Amino acid sequence: CLAAILLMGIIQHEPAISSIRIFLLNALLLQSWFPDMDVYFSFNSLSWYCSALLFFLCLFPMILRFLSRASLKKIAILSSALVGIYCLFWILCPYAWRHSVLYINPAMRLFDSVLGLCIGLWVIQIRDTAKWQLFFSQKSLWLQIFSISGVVLLIGLSFLLPGRLKSFSLMYWIPTAMVLFTLTVLNYTNPSNLLSKFLNSIPMQWLGRCSFSFYMIHALVIRYCT
């Protein structure tokens, strides 16, 4: 994406690099640590996410080693604590800083990454426990309804959420967790269900593999076209 931006600058006869420092921050995926929109949204604005992702991937082995020894109860307590601490940060953080600190900064986005990891470990315990497998295998229809409801809720929040709450990423954790949890449990307990068959079809798998690349380039396409 950085190469594409440089090429666009040449085509449009505009200097693509206004600051070597900001360019290097983007190249090293460190731009999201700076609470300045001209830095974290510089070049390809969507790469702020990669900056947060890199931070989580660096910490992932250590976090997994800690959480993999935790019981289901401890994981549930940790998840609740993460939600509570994030809400406290959001209340105490000045409005002008909420987007750059609470939504963009990798340290704060670590909250939802750890929460996602907790959900993954919970699903593994369900997969490996006969009692839980039997329970959820009998709830296949409800899991599918719950998953579809999460997608609808996520789309609804994207369009209807007031501007002042756009930086409140917790609002997106809830429907995303609903979808990821139910779909994964469905695949483990009842892989023949209609929703899993649809999502595991070749066209949907192909779209899934393309989705992140599409996310990374769509802002550049819009910028170039305008």
Protein backbone atom coordinates (compact mmCIF):
# COMPACT_ATOMS: atom_id res chain seq x y z
CA CYS A 1 0.00 0.00 0.00
CA LEU A 2 2.89 2.35 0.71
CA ALA A 3 4.31 1.55 -2.73
CA ALA A 4 0.91 2.24 -4.29
CA ILE A 5 0.73 5.63 -2.58
CA LEU A 6 4.19 6.55 -3.85
CA LEU A 7 3.13 5.53 -7.37
CA MET A 8 -0.06 7.61 -7.06
CA GLY A 9 2.07 10.61 -6.07
CA ILE A 10 4.17 10.22 -9.20
CA ILE A 11 1.08 9.87 -11.45
CA GLN A 12 -0.60 12.91 -9.89
CA HIS A 13 2.63 14.94 -9.87
CA GLU A 14 2.37 15.44 -6.12
CA PRO A 15 5.04 14.66 -3.51
CA ALA A 16 3.86 11.49 -1.76
CA ILE A 17 6.36 11.83 1.12
CA SER A 18 5.93 15.08 3.04
CA SER A 19 7.90 13.79 6.04
CA ILE A 20 10.57 11.07 6.16
CA ARG A 21 9.80 10.55 9.85
CA ILE A 22 6.10 9.82 9.19
CA PHE A 23 7.01 7.59 6.25
CA LEU A 24 9.35 5.52 8.45
CA LEU A 25 6.69 5.26 11.17
CA ASN A 26 4.29 3.84 8.57
CA ALA A 27 6.91 1.50 7.14
CA LEU A 28 7.60 0.13 10.64
CA LEU A 29 3.86 0.13 11.57
CA LEU A 30 4.41 2.43 14.54
CA GLN A 31 2.16 5.29 13.44
CA SER A 32 -0.80 4.39 15.67
CA TRP A 33 1.22 5.08 18.81
CA PHE A 34 1.18 8.83 18.05
CA PRO A 35 -2.13 10.56 18.99
CA ASP A 36 -2.01 12.86 15.98
CA MET A 37 -4.41 12.25 13.06
CA ASP A 38 -1.80 13.57 10.62
CA VAL A 39 0.42 10.68 11.76
CA TYR A 40 -1.88 7.71 12.41
CA PHE A 41 -4.02 8.43 9.32
CA SER A 42 -1.08 9.35 7.10
CA PHE A 43 -0.39 7.55 3.82
CA ASN A 44 -2.84 4.62 3.81
CA SER A 45 -5.13 5.58 6.70
CA LEU A 46 -6.39 2.00 7.16
CA SER A 47 -2.91 0.75 8.10
CA TRP A 48 -3.47 2.07 11.64
CA TYR A 49 -5.11 -1.31 12.18
CA CYS A 50 -1.95 -3.15 11.10
CA SER A 51 0.00 -1.10 13.63
CA ALA A 52 -2.28 -2.33 16.42
CA LEU A 53 -2.24 -5.88 15.05
CA LEU A 54 1.56 -5.98 15.01
CA PHE A 55 1.65 -4.98 18.69
CA PHE A 56 -0.79 -7.72 19.63
CA LEU A 57 1.06 -10.37 17.59
CA CYS A 58 4.30 -9.50 19.40
CA LEU A 59 2.60 -10.03 22.78
CA PHE A 60 0.44 -12.98 21.67
CA PRO A 61 2.76 -15.85 22.79
CA MET A 62 3.15 -14.37 26.28
CA ILE A 63 -0.58 -13.64 26.67
CA LEU A 64 -1.53 -17.11 25.40
CA ARG A 65 0.90 -18.79 27.80
CA PHE A 66 -0.76 -16.94 30.67
CA LEU A 67 -4.37 -17.49 29.58
CA SER A 68 -4.05 -21.13 28.47
CA ARG A 69 -3.64 -22.18 32.11
CA ALA A 70 -6.73 -20.25 33.24
CA SER A 71 -10.05 -21.93 34.01
CA LEU A 72 -13.31 -21.02 32.32
CA LYS A 73 -14.32 -19.05 35.40
CA LYS A 74 -11.08 -17.03 35.43
CA ILE A 75 -11.42 -16.29 31.71
CA ALA A 76 -14.99 -15.04 32.28
CA ILE A 77 -13.80 -12.82 35.16
CA LEU A 78 -10.96 -11.43 33.04
CA SER A 79 -13.32 -10.70 30.14
CA SER A 80 -15.69 -8.83 32.46
CA ALA A 81 -12.77 -6.91 33.97
CA LEU A 82 -11.54 -5.87 30.50
CA VAL A 83 -14.97 -4.52 29.62
CA GLY A 84 -15.22 -2.65 32.94
CA ILE A 85 -11.73 -1.12 32.70
CA TYR A 86 -12.33 -0.04 29.11
CA CYS A 87 -15.62 1.66 30.08
CA LEU A 88 -13.81 3.47 32.91
CA PHE A 89 -11.11 4.69 30.51
CA TRP A 90 -13.78 5.90 28.09
CA ILE A 91 -15.60 7.85 30.81
CA LEU A 92 -12.42 9.47 32.15
CA CYS A 93 -10.81 10.23 28.78
CA PRO A 94 -11.49 13.75 27.41
CA TYR A 95 -13.76 13.71 24.35
CA ALA A 96 -11.08 15.19 22.06
CA TRP A 97 -8.73 12.29 22.86
CA ARG A 98 -11.18 9.40 22.67
CA HIS A 99 -10.65 8.57 19.01
CA SER A 100 -6.85 8.77 18.97
CA VAL A 101 -6.31 7.12 22.37
CA LEU A 102 -9.22 4.69 22.86
CA TYR A 103 -9.96 3.71 19.25
CA ILE A 104 -6.58 3.94 17.49
CA ASN A 105 -3.87 3.41 20.11
CA PRO A 106 -2.56 -0.22 20.06
CA ALA A 107 -2.36 -0.40 23.86
CA MET A 108 -6.12 0.19 24.12
CA ARG A 109 -6.97 -2.09 21.18
CA LEU A 110 -5.12 -4.82 23.08
CA PHE A 111 -8.28 -5.01 25.20
CA ASP A 112 -10.46 -6.37 22.38
CA SER A 113 -7.65 -8.62 21.13
CA VAL A 114 -7.34 -10.26 24.57
CA LEU A 115 -11.12 -10.51 24.79
CA GLY A 116 -11.14 -12.29 21.42
CA LEU A 117 -8.44 -14.65 22.69
CA CYS A 118 -10.55 -15.38 25.79
CA ILE A 119 -13.50 -16.26 23.55
CA GLY A 120 -11.24 -18.56 21.51
CA LEU A 121 -10.04 -20.40 24.63
CA TRP A 122 -13.65 -20.70 25.81
CA VAL A 123 -14.62 -22.29 22.49
CA ILE A 124 -11.71 -24.76 22.79
CA GLN A 125 -12.96 -25.82 26.24
CA ILE A 126 -16.43 -26.35 24.77
CA ARG A 127 -14.93 -28.40 21.91
CA ASP A 128 -13.02 -30.62 24.35
CA THR A 129 -15.86 -31.15 26.86
CA ALA A 130 -18.49 -33.77 25.95
CA LYS A 131 -21.15 -32.16 28.16
CA TRP A 132 -20.79 -28.78 26.46
CA GLN A 133 -20.68 -30.35 22.99
CA LEU A 134 -23.96 -32.15 23.67
CA PHE A 135 -25.55 -28.99 25.04
CA PHE A 136 -24.63 -26.80 22.07
CA SER A 137 -25.32 -29.47 19.46
CA GLN A 138 -28.96 -29.32 20.59
CA LYS A 139 -29.00 -25.53 20.20
CA SER A 140 -27.93 -25.37 16.54
CA LEU A 141 -30.93 -23.31 15.37
CA TRP A 142 -30.57 -20.80 18.19
CA LEU A 143 -26.84 -20.45 17.53
CA GLN A 144 -27.55 -19.65 13.87
CA ILE A 145 -30.19 -17.08 14.83
CA PHE A 146 -27.81 -15.57 17.41
CA SER A 147 -25.03 -15.31 14.84
CA ILE A 148 -27.22 -13.65 12.20
CA SER A 149 -28.53 -11.27 14.88
CA GLY A 150 -24.93 -10.29 15.65
CA VAL A 151 -24.29 -9.44 11.98
CA VAL A 152 -27.48 -7.34 11.81
CA LEU A 153 -26.55 -5.57 15.06
CA LEU A 154 -23.04 -4.84 13.78
CA ILE A 155 -24.38 -3.31 10.55
CA GLY A 156 -27.01 -1.35 12.47
CA LEU A 157 -24.43 0.09 14.88
CA SER A 158 -22.19 1.08 11.97
CA PHE A 159 -24.98 3.19 10.46
CA LEU A 160 -27.00 4.32 13.48
CA LEU A 161 -24.44 4.84 16.24
CA PRO A 162 -24.26 8.55 17.24
CA GLY A 163 -21.03 10.32 16.32
CA ARG A 164 -19.98 10.75 19.94
CA LEU A 165 -20.01 6.96 20.38
CA LYS A 166 -18.15 6.06 17.18
CA SER A 167 -14.90 5.81 19.14
CA PHE A 168 -16.52 3.51 21.74
CA SER A 169 -15.15 0.28 20.26
CA LEU A 170 -16.85 -1.77 22.99
CA MET A 171 -20.07 -1.30 21.00
CA TYR A 172 -18.49 -3.36 18.22
CA TRP A 173 -17.03 -6.01 20.53
CA ILE A 174 -20.47 -7.29 21.53
CA PRO A 175 -21.89 -8.20 18.08
CA THR A 176 -18.47 -9.36 16.84
CA ALA A 177 -18.11 -11.67 19.85
CA MET A 178 -21.64 -12.98 19.24
CA VAL A 179 -20.79 -13.86 15.63
CA LEU A 180 -17.34 -15.34 16.20
CA PHE A 181 -18.40 -17.42 19.21
CA THR A 182 -21.56 -18.87 17.70
CA LEU A 183 -20.08 -19.63 14.27
CA THR A 184 -17.05 -21.39 15.75
CA VAL A 185 -19.15 -23.42 18.19
CA LEU A 186 -21.46 -24.37 15.32
CA ASN A 187 -18.52 -25.63 13.28
CA TYR A 188 -17.37 -27.80 16.16
CA THR A 189 -20.71 -29.15 17.38
CA ASN A 190 -22.86 -29.30 14.24
CA PRO A 191 -20.85 -28.69 11.03
CA SER A 192 -23.77 -29.82 8.84
CA ASN A 193 -25.93 -26.80 9.77
CA LEU A 194 -27.08 -24.54 6.94
CA LEU A 195 -25.10 -21.47 8.00
CA SER A 196 -21.80 -23.35 8.29
CA LYS A 197 -22.34 -24.99 4.91
CA PHE A 198 -22.94 -21.59 3.34
CA LEU A 199 -19.89 -19.95 4.93
CA ASN A 200 -17.65 -22.94 4.12
CA SER A 201 -18.68 -22.90 0.47
CA ILE A 202 -15.93 -22.15 -2.07
CA PRO A 203 -17.26 -18.67 -3.08
CA MET A 204 -17.57 -17.52 0.55
CA GLN A 205 -14.12 -18.88 1.44
CA TRP A 206 -12.67 -16.99 -1.54
CA LEU A 207 -14.41 -13.77 -0.46
CA GLY A 208 -13.11 -14.30 3.05
CA ARG A 209 -9.53 -14.58 1.78
CA CYS A 210 -9.99 -11.40 -0.28
CA SER A 211 -11.69 -9.36 2.45
CA PHE A 212 -8.60 -8.06 4.26
CA SER A 213 -6.88 -7.08 1.00
CA PHE A 214 -10.07 -5.28 -0.02
CA TYR A 215 -10.11 -3.46 3.34
CA MET A 216 -6.48 -2.37 2.92
CA ILE A 217 -6.88 -0.91 -0.59
CA HIS A 218 -10.40 0.53 -0.61
CA ALA A 219 -9.36 3.90 0.87
CA LEU A 220 -6.63 4.23 -1.75
CA VAL A 221 -9.11 3.49 -4.55
CA ILE A 222 -11.50 6.13 -3.20
CA ARG A 223 -8.68 8.66 -2.83
CA TYR A 224 -7.39 8.04 -6.36
CA CYS A 225 -10.85 8.18 -7.94
CA THR A 226 -11.67 11.51 -6.28
